[in-house]
C-alpha atoms as a PDB file:
ATOM      1  CA  MET A   1      87.578  79.933  70.039  1.00  0.00           C
ATOM      2  CA  GLN A   2      89.209  82.985  70.019  1.00  0.00           C
ATOM      3  CA  ILE A   3      93.110  84.209  70.429  1.00  0.00           C
ATOM      4  CA  LEU A   4      93.542  86.939  72.897  1.00  0.00           C
ATOM      5  CA  ASN A   5      95.753  88.976  73.613  1.00  0.00           C
ATOM      6  CA  ASN A   6      98.042  90.172  76.774  1.00  0.00           C
ATOM      7  CA  ILE A   7      95.609  88.401  79.237  1.00  0.00           C
ATOM      8  CA  SER A   8      96.189  88.515  83.316  1.00  0.00           C
ATOM      9  CA  LEU A   9      96.894  85.260  84.244  1.00  0.00           C
ATOM     10  CA  LYS A  10      96.179  86.320  87.925  1.00  0.00           C
ATOM     11  CA  PRO A  11      92.692  84.295  87.326  1.00  0.00           C
ATOM     12  CA  PHE A  12      93.987  81.181  86.189  1.00  0.00           C
ATOM     13  CA  ASN A  13      96.992  80.536  88.710  1.00  0.00           C
ATOM     14  CA  THR A  14      96.077  79.595  92.161  1.00  0.00           C
ATOM     15  CA  PHE A  15      99.147  81.119  93.408  1.00  0.00           C
ATOM     16  CA  GLY A  16      97.541  84.609  92.107  1.00  0.00           C
ATOM     17  CA  ILE A  17     100.623  85.541  90.449  1.00  0.00           C
ATOM     18  CA  ASP A  18      99.901  88.267  88.259  1.00  0.00           C
ATOM     19  CA  VAL A  19     101.857  87.784  85.131  1.00  0.00           C
ATOM     20  CA  LYS A  20     100.575  88.561  81.263  1.00  0.00           C
ATOM     21  CA  ALA A  21     100.280  85.664  78.308  1.00  0.00           C
ATOM     22  CA  LYS A  22     101.405  87.625  75.255  1.00  0.00           C
ATOM     23  CA  LYS A  23      98.642  85.059  73.769  1.00  0.00           C
ATOM     24  CA  PHE A  24      95.342  83.089  75.074  1.00  0.00           C
ATOM     25  CA  VAL A  25      92.862  80.404  74.000  1.00  0.00           C
ATOM     26  CA  THR A  26      90.507  78.940  76.016  1.00  0.00           C
ATOM     27  CA  ILE A  27      89.650  75.442  74.567  1.00  0.00           C
ATOM     28  CA  SER A  28      85.957  73.612  75.203  1.00  0.00           C
ATOM     29  CA  SER A  29      86.186  70.632  72.653  1.00  0.00           C
ATOM     30  CA  VAL A  30      88.932  68.171  71.469  1.00  0.00           C
ATOM     31  CA  ALA A  31      88.251  69.208  68.090  1.00  0.00           C
ATOM     32  CA  GLU A  32      89.484  73.056  68.988  1.00  0.00           C
ATOM     33  CA  LEU A  33      92.215  71.944  70.564  1.00  0.00           C
ATOM     34  CA  GLN A  34      93.541  70.081  67.764  1.00  0.00           C
ATOM     35  CA  ALA A  35      92.823  72.986  65.317  1.00  0.00           C
ATOM     36  CA  VAL A  36      94.443  74.913  67.502  1.00  0.00           C
ATOM     37  CA  LEU A  37      97.800  73.572  67.972  1.00  0.00           C
ATOM     38  CA  LYS A  38      97.907  72.915  63.768  1.00  0.00           C
ATOM     39  CA  THR A  39      97.558  76.422  63.398  1.00  0.00           C
ATOM     40  CA  PHE A  40     100.114  77.394  65.512  1.00  0.00           C
ATOM     41  CA  LYS A  41     102.133  73.925  65.003  1.00  0.00           C
ATOM     42  CA  ASN A  42     105.717  75.915  64.930  1.00  0.00           C
ATOM     43  CA  GLU A  43     104.794  78.266  67.631  1.00  0.00           C
ATOM     44  CA  LYS A  44     106.001  77.357  71.719  1.00  0.00           C
ATOM     45  CA  LYS A  45     102.658  76.418  73.601  1.00  0.00           C
ATOM     46  CA  LEU A  46     101.838  76.331  77.703  1.00  0.00           C
ATOM     47  CA  ILE A  47      99.305  73.985  78.423  1.00  0.00           C
ATOM     48  CA  LEU A  48      96.927  75.351  81.476  1.00  0.00           C
ATOM     49  CA  GLY A  49      94.318  73.764  83.038  1.00  0.00           C
ATOM     50  CA  GLY A  50      93.392  74.632  86.569  1.00  0.00           C
ATOM     51  CA  GLY A  51      96.824  76.354  87.226  1.00  0.00           C
ATOM     52  CA  SER A  52      97.049  74.424  90.695  1.00  0.00           C
ATOM     53  CA  ASN A  53     100.430  72.967  90.643  1.00  0.00           C
ATOM     54  CA  MET A  54     102.655  76.113  88.939  1.00  0.00           C
ATOM     55  CA  LEU A  55     104.136  78.821  89.925  1.00  0.00           C
ATOM     56  CA  LEU A  56     104.677  81.839  87.072  1.00  0.00           C
ATOM     57  CA  THR A  57     107.757  83.828  87.517  1.00  0.00           C
ATOM     58  CA  LYS A  58     107.525  86.188  84.860  1.00  0.00           C
ATOM     59  CA  ASP A  59     105.391  87.062  82.017  1.00  0.00           C
ATOM     60  CA  ILE A  60     104.476  84.456  79.033  1.00  0.00           C
ATOM     61  CA  GLU A  61     105.517  84.615  75.761  1.00  0.00           C
ATOM     62  CA  SER A  62     104.441  81.418  74.237  1.00  0.00           C
ATOM     63  CA  LEU A  63     100.802  80.951  73.505  1.00  0.00           C
ATOM     64  CA  VAL A  64      98.961  79.811  76.744  1.00  0.00           C
ATOM     65  CA  ILE A  65      96.114  77.162  75.573  1.00  0.00           C
ATOM     66  CA  HIS A  66      93.501  77.089  78.935  1.00  0.00           C
ATOM     67  CA  LEU A  67      91.812  73.549  78.842  1.00  0.00           C
ATOM     68  CA  ASP A  68      88.222  73.628  79.749  1.00  0.00           C
ATOM     69  CA  ILE A  69      87.203  70.217  77.990  1.00  0.00           C
ATOM     70  CA  LYS A  70      83.967  69.285  79.878  1.00  0.00           C
ATOM     71  CA  GLY A  71      82.439  66.006  80.331  1.00  0.00           C
ATOM     72  CA  THR A  72      81.640  62.749  82.551  1.00  0.00           C
ATOM     73  CA  ALA A  73      80.146  59.425  81.794  1.00  0.00           C
ATOM     74  CA  VAL A  74      79.942  55.501  82.882  1.00  0.00           C
ATOM     75  CA  LEU A  75      81.638  53.874  80.068  1.00  0.00           C
ATOM     76  CA  GLU A  76      80.860  50.389  81.316  1.00  0.00           C
ATOM     77  CA  GLU A  77      79.999  48.733  84.420  1.00  0.00           C
ATOM     78  CA  ASP A  78      79.044  45.150  86.493  1.00  0.00           C
ATOM     79  CA  ALA A  79      78.012  44.017  90.028  1.00  0.00           C
ATOM     80  CA  SER A  80      81.152  45.242  91.357  1.00  0.00           C
ATOM     81  CA  HIS A  81      82.729  47.776  89.768  1.00  0.00           C
ATOM     82  CA  VAL A  82      82.679  50.826  86.908  1.00  0.00           C
ATOM     83  CA  LEU A  83      84.579  52.505  83.976  1.00  0.00           C
ATOM     84  CA  VAL A  84      84.239  55.761  84.635  1.00  0.00           C
ATOM     85  CA  LYS A  85      85.650  58.754  81.990  1.00  0.00           C
ATOM     86  CA  ALA A  86      86.170  62.412  82.801  1.00  0.00           C
ATOM     87  CA  TYR A  87      87.631  65.254  80.658  1.00  0.00           C
ATOM     88  CA  ALA A  88      90.743  67.120  81.106  1.00  0.00           C
ATOM     89  CA  GLY A  89      88.308  70.101  81.921  1.00  0.00           C
ATOM     90  CA  GLU A  90      86.551  68.933  85.189  1.00  0.00           C
ATOM     91  CA  ASN A  91      87.290  70.283  88.535  1.00  0.00           C
ATOM     92  CA  TRP A  92      88.778  67.222  90.120  1.00  0.00           C
ATOM     93  CA  HIS A  93      86.988  67.377  93.594  1.00  0.00           C
ATOM     94  CA  GLU A  94      83.629  68.234  92.044  1.00  0.00           C
ATOM     95  CA  PHE A  95      84.360  65.422  89.982  1.00  0.00           C
ATOM     96  CA  VAL A  96      85.640  63.321  93.348  1.00  0.00           C
ATOM     97  CA  LEU A  97      82.038  64.532  94.928  1.00  0.00           C
ATOM     98  CA  TRP A  98      80.297  63.651  91.565  1.00  0.00           C
ATOM     99  CA  CYS A  99      81.569  59.614  92.039  1.00  0.00           C
ATOM    100  CA  ILE A 100      80.659  59.973  96.081  1.00  0.00           C
ATOM    101  CA  ALA A 101      77.140  60.933  95.117  1.00  0.00           C
ATOM    102  CA  HIS A 102      76.748  57.569  92.931  1.00  0.00           C
ATOM    103  CA  ASP A 103      78.449  55.354  95.311  1.00  0.00           C
ATOM    104  CA  PHE A 104      81.799  54.805  93.480  1.00  0.00           C
ATOM    105  CA  GLY A 105      84.500  54.523  95.612  1.00  0.00           C
ATOM    106  CA  GLY A 106      88.187  55.214  95.118  1.00  0.00           C
ATOM    107  CA  VAL A 107      89.201  58.617  94.793  1.00  0.00           C
ATOM    108  CA  GLU A 108      87.632  59.446  98.327  1.00  0.00           C
ATOM    109  CA  ASN A 109      90.698  60.312  99.608  1.00  0.00           C
ATOM    110  CA  LEU A 110      91.823  62.588  97.056  1.00  0.00           C
ATOM    111  CA  SER A 111      88.524  64.639  97.929  1.00  0.00           C
ATOM    112  CA  LEU A 112      89.480  68.809  97.380  1.00  0.00           C
ATOM    113  CA  ILE A 113      92.913  67.993  95.747  1.00  0.00           C
ATOM    114  CA  PRO A 114      93.158  71.706  93.809  1.00  0.00           C
ATOM    115  CA  GLY A 115      92.881  71.359  89.722  1.00  0.00           C
ATOM    116  CA  LYS A 116      91.173  69.774  87.304  1.00  0.00           C
ATOM    117  CA  VAL A 117      91.276  65.881  85.568  1.00  0.00           C
ATOM    118  CA  GLY A 118      94.154  66.939  82.613  1.00  0.00           C
ATOM    119  CA  ALA A 119      96.345  67.273  85.682  1.00  0.00           C
ATOM    120  CA  VAL A 120      95.936  64.220  87.361  1.00  0.00           C
ATOM    121  CA  PRO A 121      97.929  61.531  85.673  1.00  0.00           C
ATOM    122  CA  ILE A 122     100.331  63.656  84.936  1.00  0.00           C
ATOM    123  CA  GLN A 123     101.398  64.423  89.066  1.00  0.00           C
ATOM    124  CA  ASN A 124      99.987  60.923  89.885  1.00  0.00           C
ATOM    125  CA  ILE A 125      98.142  62.781  92.457  1.00  0.00           C
ATOM    126  CA  GLY A 126      97.687  60.984  95.905  1.00  0.00           C
ATOM    127  CA  ALA A 127      97.331  61.851  99.108  1.00  0.00           C
ATOM    128  CA  TYR A 128      96.119  59.609 102.726  1.00  0.00           C
ATOM    129  CA  GLY A 129      97.256  56.277 101.346  1.00  0.00           C
ATOM    130  CA  VAL A 130      95.628  56.909  97.661  1.00  0.00           C
ATOM    131  CA  GLU A 131      97.054  57.541  94.556  1.00  0.00           C
ATOM    132  CA  ILE A 132      95.884  57.761  91.311  1.00  0.00           C
ATOM    133  CA  LYS A 133      97.958  55.053  89.537  1.00  0.00           C
ATOM    134  CA  ASP A 134      95.876  52.858  92.330  1.00  0.00           C
ATOM    135  CA  VAL A 135      92.796  53.164  90.234  1.00  0.00           C
ATOM    136  CA  LEU A 136      93.268  54.682  86.731  1.00  0.00           C
ATOM    137  CA  ILE A 137      92.522  52.025  83.983  1.00  0.00           C
ATOM    138  CA  SER A 138      93.894  54.380  80.999  1.00  0.00           C
ATOM    139  CA  CYS A 139      94.228  58.222  79.767  1.00  0.00           C
ATOM    140  CA  GLU A 140      93.941  59.791  76.381  1.00  0.00           C
ATOM    141  CA  ALA A 141      96.020  62.517  75.151  1.00  0.00           C
ATOM    142  CA  ILE A 142      97.034  64.564  71.965  1.00  0.00           C
ATOM    143  CA  ASN A 143     100.411  64.697  70.785  1.00  0.00           C
ATOM    144  CA  ILE A 144     100.806  67.994  70.306  1.00  0.00           C
ATOM    145  CA  GLU A 145     103.392  67.666  67.083  1.00  0.00           C
ATOM    146  CA  THR A 146     100.709  65.954  64.755  1.00  0.00           C
ATOM    147  CA  GLY A 147      97.227  66.452  66.948  1.00  0.00           C
ATOM    148  CA  ASN A 148      96.661  62.777  66.775  1.00  0.00           C
ATOM    149  CA  ILE A 149      94.849  60.881  69.873  1.00  0.00           C
ATOM    150  CA  LYS A 150      96.681  58.387  71.653  1.00  0.00           C
ATOM    151  CA  SER A 151      95.848  55.593  74.415  1.00  0.00           C
ATOM    152  CA  PHE A 152      97.681  55.340  77.568  1.00  0.00           C
ATOM    153  CA  SER A 153      97.229  52.325  79.559  1.00  0.00           C
ATOM    154  CA  ASN A 154      98.384  52.532  83.175  1.00  0.00           C
ATOM    155  CA  ASN A 155     101.783  50.799  82.482  1.00  0.00           C
ATOM    156  CA  ASP A 156     102.536  53.275  79.552  1.00  0.00           C
ATOM    157  CA  CYS A 157     101.705  56.381  82.500  1.00  0.00           C
ATOM    158  CA  ASN A 158     104.860  55.239  84.046  1.00  0.00           C
ATOM    159  CA  PHE A 159     103.680  56.011  87.607  1.00  0.00           C
ATOM    160  CA  SER A 160     105.674  56.965  90.839  1.00  0.00           C
ATOM    161  CA  TYR A 161     105.505  59.163  93.328  1.00  0.00           C
ATOM    162  CA  ARG A 162     104.418  61.942  91.885  1.00  0.00           C
ATOM    163  CA  GLU A 163     106.076  61.313  88.595  1.00  0.00           C
ATOM    164  CA  SER A 164     104.613  59.702  85.226  1.00  0.00           C
ATOM    165  CA  VAL A 165     105.888  59.727  81.569  1.00  0.00           C
ATOM    166  CA  PHE A 166     104.050  62.724  81.250  1.00  0.00           C
ATOM    167  CA  LYS A 167     106.823  64.745  83.465  1.00  0.00           C
ATOM    168  CA  GLN A 168     109.623  62.810  81.871  1.00  0.00           C
ATOM    169  CA  ASP A 169     110.691  61.331  78.666  1.00  0.00           C
ATOM    170  CA  LEU A 170     107.019  62.656  77.021  1.00  0.00           C
ATOM    171  CA  LYS A 171     107.309  66.651  79.090  1.00  0.00           C
ATOM    172  CA  ASN A 172     105.963  68.935  76.275  1.00  0.00           C
ATOM    173  CA  LYS A 173     104.816  66.141  74.051  1.00  0.00           C
ATOM    174  CA  TYR A 174     101.496  65.425  74.797  1.00  0.00           C
ATOM    175  CA  VAL A 175      98.464  67.232  75.915  1.00  0.00           C
ATOM    176  CA  VAL A 176      96.271  64.958  78.433  1.00  0.00           C
ATOM    177  CA  ILE A 177      92.169  64.875  77.037  1.00  0.00           C
ATOM    178  CA  SER A 178      90.365  62.552  79.367  1.00  0.00           C
ATOM    179  CA  VAL A 179      90.843  60.132  81.883  1.00  0.00           C
ATOM    180  CA  THR A 180      89.279  56.513  82.662  1.00  0.00           C
ATOM    181  CA  LEU A 181      88.907  55.001  86.183  1.00  0.00           C
ATOM    182  CA  LYS A 182      88.113  51.552  87.514  1.00  0.00           C
ATOM    183  CA  LEU A 183      86.048  51.937  90.705  1.00  0.00           C
ATOM    184  CA  THR A 184      84.099  49.842  92.943  1.00  0.00           C
ATOM    185  CA  LYS A 185      80.651  49.669  92.992  1.00  0.00           C
ATOM    186  CA  ASN A 186      80.588  47.929  96.242  1.00  0.00           C
ATOM    187  CA  LYS A 187      82.433  46.241  98.890  1.00  0.00           C
ATOM    188  CA  HIS A 188      84.786  49.604  98.955  1.00  0.00           C
ATOM    189  CA  ASN A 189      88.185  49.861  99.873  1.00  0.00           C
ATOM    190  CA  ILE A 190      87.893  51.949 102.924  1.00  0.00           C
ATOM    191  CA  LYS A 191      91.648  53.207 103.649  1.00  0.00           C
ATOM    192  CA  ILE A 192      91.800  55.437 106.961  1.00  0.00           C
ATOM    193  CA  GLY A 193      95.079  54.562 108.447  1.00  0.00           C
ATOM    194  CA  TYR A 194      97.165  57.327 106.534  1.00  0.00           C
ATOM    195  CA  GLY A 195      97.616  60.573 108.240  1.00  0.00           C
ATOM    196  CA  ALA A 196      94.681  61.961 110.659  1.00  0.00           C
ATOM    197  CA  ILE A 197      91.560  59.908 108.718  1.00  0.00           C
ATOM    198  CA  ALA A 198      90.740  57.905 111.622  1.00  0.00           C
ATOM    199  CA  SER A 199      90.648  60.481 114.540  1.00  0.00           C
ATOM    200  CA  GLN A 200      88.775  62.824 112.390  1.00  0.00           C
ATOM    201  CA  LEU A 201      86.061  59.969 111.785  1.00  0.00           C
ATOM    202  CA  GLU A 202      86.267  59.140 115.815  1.00  0.00           C
ATOM    203  CA  THR A 203      85.100  62.684 116.318  1.00  0.00           C
ATOM    204  CA  ASN A 204      82.611  62.843 113.790  1.00  0.00           C
ATOM    205  CA  GLY A 205      81.054  59.583 115.595  1.00  0.00           C
ATOM    206  CA  ILE A 206      81.584  57.538 112.742  1.00  0.00           C
ATOM    207  CA  THR A 207      82.358  54.068 113.484  1.00  0.00           C
ATOM    208  CA  THR A 208      81.846  52.181 110.630  1.00  0.00           C
ATOM    209  CA  PRO A 209      82.921  54.442 107.768  1.00  0.00           C
ATOM    210  CA  GLY A 210      81.194  54.287 104.141  1.00  0.00           C
ATOM    211  CA  ILE A 211      83.142  56.365 101.267  1.00  0.00           C
ATOM    212  CA  LYS A 212      81.184  59.436 101.854  1.00  0.00           C
ATOM    213  CA  ASP A 213      82.110  59.888 105.547  1.00  0.00           C
ATOM    214  CA  VAL A 214      85.744  58.896 104.152  1.00  0.00           C
ATOM    215  CA  SER A 215      85.680  62.346 102.151  1.00  0.00           C
ATOM    216  CA  GLU A 216      84.494  64.046 104.778  1.00  0.00           C
ATOM    217  CA  ALA A 217      87.057  63.580 106.791  1.00  0.00           C
ATOM    218  CA  VAL A 218      89.628  64.577 104.458  1.00  0.00           C
ATOM    219  CA  ILE A 219      87.822  67.510 103.573  1.00  0.00           C
ATOM    220  CA  SER A 220      88.063  68.238 107.019  1.00  0.00           C
ATOM    221  CA  ILE A 221      91.647  67.972 107.630  1.00  0.00           C
ATOM    222  CA  ARG A 222      92.645  69.220 104.643  1.00  0.00           C
ATOM    223  CA  GLN A 223      90.239  72.733 105.799  1.00  0.00           C
ATOM    224  CA  SER A 224      91.989  72.713 108.671  1.00  0.00           C
ATOM    225  CA  LYS A 225      95.823  72.703 107.651  1.00  0.00           C
ATOM    226  CA  LEU A 226      95.653  73.891 103.677  1.00  0.00           C
ATOM    227  CA  PRO A 227      94.407  77.653 102.996  1.00  0.00           C
ATOM    228  CA  ASP A 228      91.826  78.148 100.407  1.00  0.00           C
ATOM    229  CA  PRO A 229      93.459  79.540  97.174  1.00  0.00           C
ATOM    230  CA  LYS A 230      90.286  82.101  97.247  1.00  0.00           C
ATOM    231  CA  ASP A 231      91.552  83.436 100.486  1.00  0.00           C
ATOM    232  CA  ILE A 232      95.316  82.917 100.122  1.00  0.00           C
ATOM    233  CA  GLY A 233      97.302  82.490  96.925  1.00  0.00           C
ATOM    234  CA  ASN A 234      98.936  79.146  97.456  1.00  0.00           C
ATOM    235  CA  SER A 235      99.438  75.560  95.440  1.00  0.00           C
ATOM    236  CA  GLY A 236      98.668  73.070  97.868  1.00  0.00           C
ATOM    237  CA  SER A 237     101.848  71.003  99.185  1.00  0.00           C
ATOM    238  CA  PHE A 238     104.652  72.809  97.105  1.00  0.00           C
ATOM    239  CA  PHE A 239     107.466  70.182  98.049  1.00  0.00           C
ATOM    240  CA  LYS A 240     107.852  66.077  97.756  1.00  0.00           C
ATOM    241  CA  ASN A 241     107.991  64.268 100.974  1.00  0.00           C
ATOM    242  CA  PRO A 242     111.617  62.788 100.310  1.00  0.00           C
ATOM    243  CA  ILE A 243     112.647  59.245 100.382  1.00  0.00           C
ATOM    244  CA  ILE A 244     115.637  58.270 102.479  1.00  0.00           C
ATOM    245  CA  SER A 245     117.751  54.595 103.141  1.00  0.00           C
ATOM    246  CA  ILE A 246     116.787  52.911 106.414  1.00  0.00           C
ATOM    247  CA  SER A 247     120.554  53.156 107.316  1.00  0.00           C
ATOM    248  CA  LYS A 248     120.406  57.290 106.665  1.00  0.00           C
ATOM    249  CA  TYR A 249     116.828  57.379 108.608  1.00  0.00           C
ATOM    250  CA  GLN A 250     118.340  55.613 111.752  1.00  0.00           C
ATOM    251  CA  ALA A 251     121.543  57.817 111.773  1.00  0.00           C
ATOM    252  CA  LEU A 252     119.428  61.183 111.405  1.00  0.00           C
ATOM    253  CA  LEU A 253     117.686  59.691 115.005  1.00  0.00           C
ATOM    254  CA  ASN A 254     120.808  60.286 116.866  1.00  0.00           C
ATOM    255  CA  ASN A 255     120.044  64.150 116.411  1.00  0.00           C
ATOM    256  CA  PHE A 256     116.300  64.019 115.769  1.00  0.00           C
ATOM    257  CA  PRO A 257     114.490  61.367 117.636  1.00  0.00           C
ATOM    258  CA  THR A 258     111.091  62.613 116.634  1.00  0.00           C
ATOM    259  CA  MET A 259     111.810  62.524 113.393  1.00  0.00           C
ATOM    260  CA  PRO A 260     108.666  60.662 111.941  1.00  0.00           C
ATOM    261  CA  ASN A 261     108.982  58.394 109.046  1.00  0.00           C
ATOM    262  CA  TYR A 262     106.790  55.858 106.896  1.00  0.00           C
ATOM    263  CA  PRO A 263     108.290  52.997 105.153  1.00  0.00           C
ATOM    264  CA  VAL A 264     108.176  52.573 101.632  1.00  0.00           C
ATOM    265  CA  SER A 265     110.440  49.177 101.112  1.00  0.00           C
ATOM    266  CA  ASN A 266     112.594  47.130 103.086  1.00  0.00           C
ATOM    267  CA  GLU A 267     115.618  49.783 101.696  1.00  0.00           C
ATOM    268  CA  GLY A 268     113.566  53.075 102.224  1.00  0.00           C
ATOM    269  CA  VAL A 269     111.495  55.449 104.211  1.00  0.00           C
ATOM    270  CA  LYS A 270     109.440  58.483 103.662  1.00  0.00           C
ATOM    271  CA  VAL A 271     110.173  61.128 105.936  1.00  0.00           C
ATOM    272  CA  PRO A 272     107.589  63.865 105.759  1.00  0.00           C
ATOM    273  CA  ALA A 273     109.211  67.160 103.871  1.00  0.00           C
ATOM    274  CA  GLY A 274     106.670  69.295 106.480  1.00  0.00           C
ATOM    275  CA  TRP A 275     108.339  67.937 109.263  1.00  0.00           C
ATOM    276  CA  LEU A 276     111.620  69.141 107.777  1.00  0.00           C
ATOM    277  CA  ILE A 277     110.873  72.136 106.893  1.00  0.00           C
ATOM    278  CA  GLU A 278     108.896  73.287 110.284  1.00  0.00           C
ATOM    279  CA  HIS A 279     112.003  71.780 112.386  1.00  0.00           C
ATOM    280  CA  ALA A 280     114.775  74.295 109.921  1.00  0.00           C
ATOM    281  CA  GLY A 281     112.344  77.502 111.455  1.00  0.00           C
ATOM    282  CA  PHE A 282     110.209  78.137 108.334  1.00  0.00           C
ATOM    283  CA  LYS A 283     107.039  76.969 109.400  1.00  0.00           C
ATOM    284  CA  GLY A 284     104.730  80.609 109.534  1.00  0.00           C
ATOM    285  CA  LYS A 285     107.790  82.689 108.462  1.00  0.00           C
ATOM    286  CA  THR A 286     106.485  85.941 106.436  1.00  0.00           C
ATOM    287  CA  MET A 287     108.036  87.757 104.282  1.00  0.00           C
ATOM    288  CA  GLY A 288     106.511  90.908 103.584  1.00  0.00           C
ATOM    289  CA  ASN A 289     103.551  89.633 101.121  1.00  0.00           C
ATOM    290  CA  TYR A 290     104.715  85.939 101.164  1.00  0.00           C
ATOM    291  CA  GLY A 291     106.005  83.248 103.137  1.00  0.00           C
ATOM    292  CA  VAL A 292     105.188  79.766 104.790  1.00  0.00           C
ATOM    293  CA  HIS A 293     101.628  78.663 105.976  1.00  0.00           C
ATOM    294  CA  LYS A 294     101.193  78.945 109.484  1.00  0.00           C
ATOM    295  CA  ASN A 295      99.248  75.674 109.348  1.00  0.00           C
ATOM    296  CA  GLN A 296     101.166  73.575 107.354  1.00  0.00           C
ATOM    297  CA  ALA A 297     104.989  74.106 106.275  1.00  0.00           C
ATOM    298  CA  LEU A 298     104.717  72.383 102.806  1.00  0.00           C
ATOM    299  CA  VAL A 299     102.138  75.171 101.720  1.00  0.00           C
ATOM    300  CA  LEU A 300     103.976  78.447 100.372  1.00  0.00           C
ATOM    301  CA  VAL A 301     101.408  81.259 100.526  1.00  0.00           C
ATOM    302  CA  ASN A 302     100.858  84.729  98.434  1.00  0.00           C
ATOM    303  CA  TYR A 303      99.207  87.170 100.988  1.00  0.00           C
ATOM    304  CA  GLY A 304      98.656  89.161  97.719  1.00  0.00           C
ATOM    305  CA  GLY A 305     100.104  91.121  95.138  1.00  0.00           C
ATOM    306  CA  ALA A 306     103.707  88.675  95.789  1.00  0.00           C
ATOM    307  CA  LYS A 307     106.525  88.051  92.660  1.00  0.00           C
ATOM    308  CA  GLY A 308     106.223  84.348  91.568  1.00  0.00           C
ATOM    309  CA  GLU A 309     110.269  85.126  91.815  1.00  0.00           C
ATOM    310  CA  ASP A 310     110.198  85.888  95.373  1.00  0.00           C
ATOM    311  CA  ILE A 311     108.388  82.360  96.296  1.00  0.00           C
ATOM    312  CA  PHE A 312     110.469  80.791  93.834  1.00  0.00           C
ATOM    313  CA  ASN A 313     113.361  82.205  95.927  1.00  0.00           C
ATOM    314  CA  LEU A 314     112.053  81.437  99.481  1.00  0.00           C
ATOM    315  CA  ALA A 315     111.351  77.927  97.780  1.00  0.00           C
ATOM    316  CA  LYS A 316     115.332  77.330  97.015  1.00  0.00           C
ATOM    317  CA  LEU A 317     115.993  78.849 100.535  1.00  0.00           C
ATOM    318  CA  ILE A 318     114.132  76.196 102.272  1.00  0.00           C
ATOM    319  CA  GLN A 319     115.940  73.515 100.027  1.00  0.00           C
ATOM    320  CA  LEU A 320     119.256  74.635 100.866  1.00  0.00           C
ATOM    321  CA  THR A 321     118.697  75.098 104.680  1.00  0.00           C
ATOM    322  CA  VAL A 322     116.818  71.154 104.710  1.00  0.00           C
ATOM    323  CA  LYS A 323     120.041  70.142 103.264  1.00  0.00           C
ATOM    324  CA  ARG A 324     122.546  71.919 105.475  1.00  0.00           C
ATOM    325  CA  LEU A 325     120.957  70.834 108.462  1.00  0.00           C
ATOM    326  CA  PHE A 326     119.466  67.403 107.271  1.00  0.00           C
ATOM    327  CA  ASP A 327     121.823  66.341 104.331  1.00  0.00           C
ATOM    328  CA  ILE A 328     118.373  65.622 102.983  1.00  0.00           C
ATOM    329  CA  GLU A 329     117.637  67.174  99.498  1.00  0.00           C
ATOM    330  CA  ILE A 330     113.659  68.233  99.113  1.00  0.00           C
ATOM    331  CA  GLU A 331     112.184  67.938  95.376  1.00  0.00           C
ATOM    332  CA  MET A 332     109.768  70.710  94.476  1.00  0.00           C
ATOM    333  CA  GLU A 333     106.266  69.445  93.512  1.00  0.00           C
ATOM    334  CA  VAL A 334     105.221  72.539  92.003  1.00  0.00           C
ATOM    335  CA  ASN A 335     105.934  73.311  88.281  1.00  0.00           C
ATOM    336  CA  VAL A 336     108.342  76.529  88.090  1.00  0.00           C
ATOM    337  CA  LEU A 337     107.817  78.416  84.972  1.00  0.00           C
ATOM    338  CA  ASN A 338     111.126  80.471  84.828  1.00  0.00           C
END
């Protein structure tokens, strides 16, 4: 464990924004994390995992703690289910592939989501009809103030759409260090009704899909729509899909008859933010070295050398335009540090 000074964070965020951390440390064990939290008890801290859900807009004056705690293990199993524990520093997609290789089902729809395991419960990550809350039994987190480890049950996490207690009441108070998931060993619950999974399976010639087939279909879809951060800086979906009342949606259909929706309750529907942004004229829009991706309007991109502040200002312009055209507010999913 070594404290480094004036380190560029460009390699540590998927947007590829080149800002500096005044102090930086990489943590590879729970004991190291507790020691750092104790040593720097009175200093501000920024916890950094895969840097896949953040936009950095300026140099970081606080201590940046890069979580690299690794480990995956089967805790217990029976004839139908298995409990798997993964630590915060594990790459999420690699963990999904590990589960599939062991025929553990439940996370295949979440393939190719960027980032580390530690961010999973914070964001309540989701894709193609599945959210992490569907399989998470518990997670462990360290209290930043005391250094004590606490276990949070699924209910304790207070999950909702892309939200959890760690983004609300306990924001900046805990560091997630591990998750425990309950996955299926057989009779997998195959979910192919959301998005283009079914048509991709048909293209792949699959009629009775298993979890590996679903994962491969999801990977193909995501790769066709989303740029690889190694090639083009981005943070995946920048905005949440807004949920509006059915009455408001029906009124909007008068002017926008092709507006899609996904029912979420008897009173509300989810409208794809990507559709709103595209029909506001932003899909494929470039502003020098940054802009909106040509294949997916939800994705803001850094073509190289862009400032985080520029991308943030573009995001705000998109929000204002969508509000003006549709009277719908879209929230940023990405955590902006400004």
